[in-house]
Amino acid sequence: GFELEADGSHKMKFLHGYRLDMLGTYSLDQESAQLILDQCEVLIKKLRISNETDDFFGDWATHNLVYSFEYKLIINIDLEGFLTYHPMPEWADIDVVEDWLNGVISQLQSSISGAK
């Protein structure tokens, strides 16, 4: 849950997890890396569907995405981005976001193959 203030500031529950833009700084075991990789693929599919139905908005840069240990999902923690990026700017359209997430997937694949 979250609390949104009139000035746009907000509070939300702390999520224990990994920020996707910082995966290289964590010591990921093979199982964790695979779980995150799988969720990246799920997220890409869901974002593509949202884009096809004209319901794609928010700031999906990887520094706003956290893989939650508790929920086993990738969560966008940037509430303000859902208010600001509607419609999406061209520099962050679905193809750009997918490229960012594919970069994370490539990093995770390297981590998994290196751990074998």
Protein backbone atom coordinates (compact mmCIF):
# COMPACT_ATOMS: atom_id res chain seq x y z
CA GLY A 1 0.00 0.00 0.00
CA PHE A 2 0.93 3.64 -0.25
CA GLU A 3 -0.11 7.09 0.95
CA LEU A 4 -0.23 9.87 -1.63
CA GLU A 5 0.03 13.43 -0.32
CA ALA A 6 -1.54 16.48 -2.01
CA ASP A 7 1.94 17.73 -3.02
CA GLY A 8 2.72 14.46 -4.82
CA SER A 9 5.00 13.01 -2.13
CA HIS A 10 4.18 9.51 -1.01
CA LYS A 11 5.01 6.77 1.44
CA MET A 12 4.86 3.09 0.72
CA LYS A 13 5.75 -0.20 2.36
CA PHE A 14 9.48 -0.99 2.30
CA LEU A 15 10.24 -3.80 -0.13
CA HIS A 16 13.08 -6.17 0.60
CA GLY A 17 14.58 -7.10 -2.72
CA TYR A 18 16.99 -6.34 -5.53
CA ARG A 19 16.91 -3.19 -7.65
CA LEU A 20 17.24 -4.30 -11.27
CA ASP A 21 19.76 -1.58 -12.12
CA MET A 22 22.05 -2.82 -9.32
CA LEU A 23 22.02 -6.58 -9.94
CA GLY A 24 25.77 -6.55 -10.62
CA THR A 25 26.42 -5.42 -7.04
CA TYR A 26 24.60 -8.36 -5.43
CA SER A 27 25.89 -11.89 -4.92
CA LEU A 28 23.10 -13.74 -6.69
CA ASP A 29 22.92 -17.49 -6.55
CA GLN A 30 21.76 -19.34 -9.65
CA GLU A 31 18.23 -19.94 -8.32
CA SER A 32 17.66 -16.27 -7.44
CA ALA A 33 19.03 -15.12 -10.79
CA GLN A 34 16.67 -17.52 -12.59
CA LEU A 35 13.66 -16.31 -10.58
CA ILE A 36 14.43 -12.69 -11.46
CA LEU A 37 15.05 -13.57 -15.11
CA ASP A 38 11.71 -15.37 -15.30
CA GLN A 39 9.94 -12.36 -13.81
CA CYS A 40 11.65 -10.02 -16.30
CA GLU A 41 10.18 -12.12 -19.10
CA VAL A 42 6.73 -12.04 -17.47
CA LEU A 43 6.99 -8.27 -17.05
CA ILE A 44 7.91 -7.74 -20.70
CA LYS A 45 4.87 -9.77 -21.80
CA LYS A 46 2.54 -7.85 -19.47
CA LEU A 47 3.93 -4.46 -20.50
CA ARG A 48 3.53 -5.39 -24.19
CA ILE A 49 -0.13 -6.26 -23.53
CA SER A 50 -0.59 -2.95 -21.70
CA ASN A 51 0.94 -1.12 -24.64
CA GLU A 52 -1.32 -2.92 -27.15
CA THR A 53 -4.40 -1.86 -25.15
CA ASP A 54 -3.15 1.75 -24.79
CA ASP A 55 -2.76 1.26 -21.05
CA PHE A 56 1.04 1.55 -20.85
CA PHE A 57 2.31 4.39 -18.68
CA GLY A 58 4.68 5.05 -15.78
CA ASP A 59 8.45 5.31 -15.42
CA TRP A 60 9.79 1.81 -16.14
CA ALA A 61 13.51 2.61 -15.91
CA THR A 62 15.34 -0.22 -14.17
CA HIS A 63 16.23 1.95 -11.15
CA ASN A 64 12.50 1.99 -10.38
CA LEU A 65 12.10 -1.79 -10.56
CA VAL A 66 12.62 -4.02 -7.53
CA TYR A 67 12.43 -7.80 -7.44
CA SER A 68 10.57 -8.40 -4.18
CA PHE A 69 11.68 -11.35 -2.03
CA GLU A 70 8.26 -11.44 -0.35
CA TYR A 71 6.07 -11.30 -3.45
CA LYS A 72 8.43 -13.00 -5.93
CA LEU A 73 7.54 -10.27 -8.45
CA ILE A 74 9.13 -7.22 -10.01
CA ILE A 75 7.45 -4.11 -8.63
CA ASN A 76 7.66 -0.58 -10.00
CA ILE A 77 8.33 1.56 -6.92
CA ASP A 78 7.96 4.92 -8.70
CA LEU A 79 4.40 5.98 -7.90
CA GLU A 80 5.07 9.51 -9.16
CA GLY A 81 5.99 8.10 -12.58
CA PHE A 82 2.46 6.76 -13.01
CA LEU A 83 1.18 10.31 -12.63
CA THR A 84 3.89 12.02 -14.69
CA TYR A 85 4.44 9.61 -17.61
CA HIS A 86 0.92 9.45 -19.01
CA PRO A 87 1.23 9.31 -22.00
CA MET A 88 4.68 7.77 -22.25
CA PRO A 89 7.48 9.95 -23.58
CA GLU A 90 9.14 8.72 -26.78
CA TRP A 91 12.48 8.20 -25.01
CA ALA A 92 10.84 5.57 -22.78
CA ASP A 93 8.35 3.82 -25.06
CA ILE A 94 7.71 0.08 -24.93
CA ASP A 95 10.64 -0.76 -27.23
CA VAL A 96 13.07 1.19 -25.04
CA VAL A 97 11.74 -0.39 -21.84
CA GLU A 98 11.97 -3.84 -23.43
CA ASP A 99 15.60 -3.12 -24.41
CA TRP A 100 16.37 -2.13 -20.81
CA LEU A 101 14.77 -5.34 -19.50
CA ASN A 102 16.51 -7.47 -22.14
CA GLY A 103 19.79 -5.98 -20.89
CA VAL A 104 18.91 -7.18 -17.39
CA ILE A 105 18.01 -10.61 -18.79
CA SER A 106 21.38 -10.82 -20.59
CA GLN A 107 23.19 -9.92 -17.38
CA LEU A 108 21.26 -12.59 -15.48
CA GLN A 109 21.92 -15.21 -18.17
CA SER A 110 25.64 -14.50 -17.88
CA SER A 111 25.42 -14.84 -14.12
CA ILE A 112 23.57 -18.15 -14.40
CA SER A 113 25.92 -19.62 -17.01
CA GLY A 114 28.95 -18.46 -15.02
CA ALA A 115 27.66 -20.16 -11.88
CA LYS A 116 27.42 -23.59 -13.51
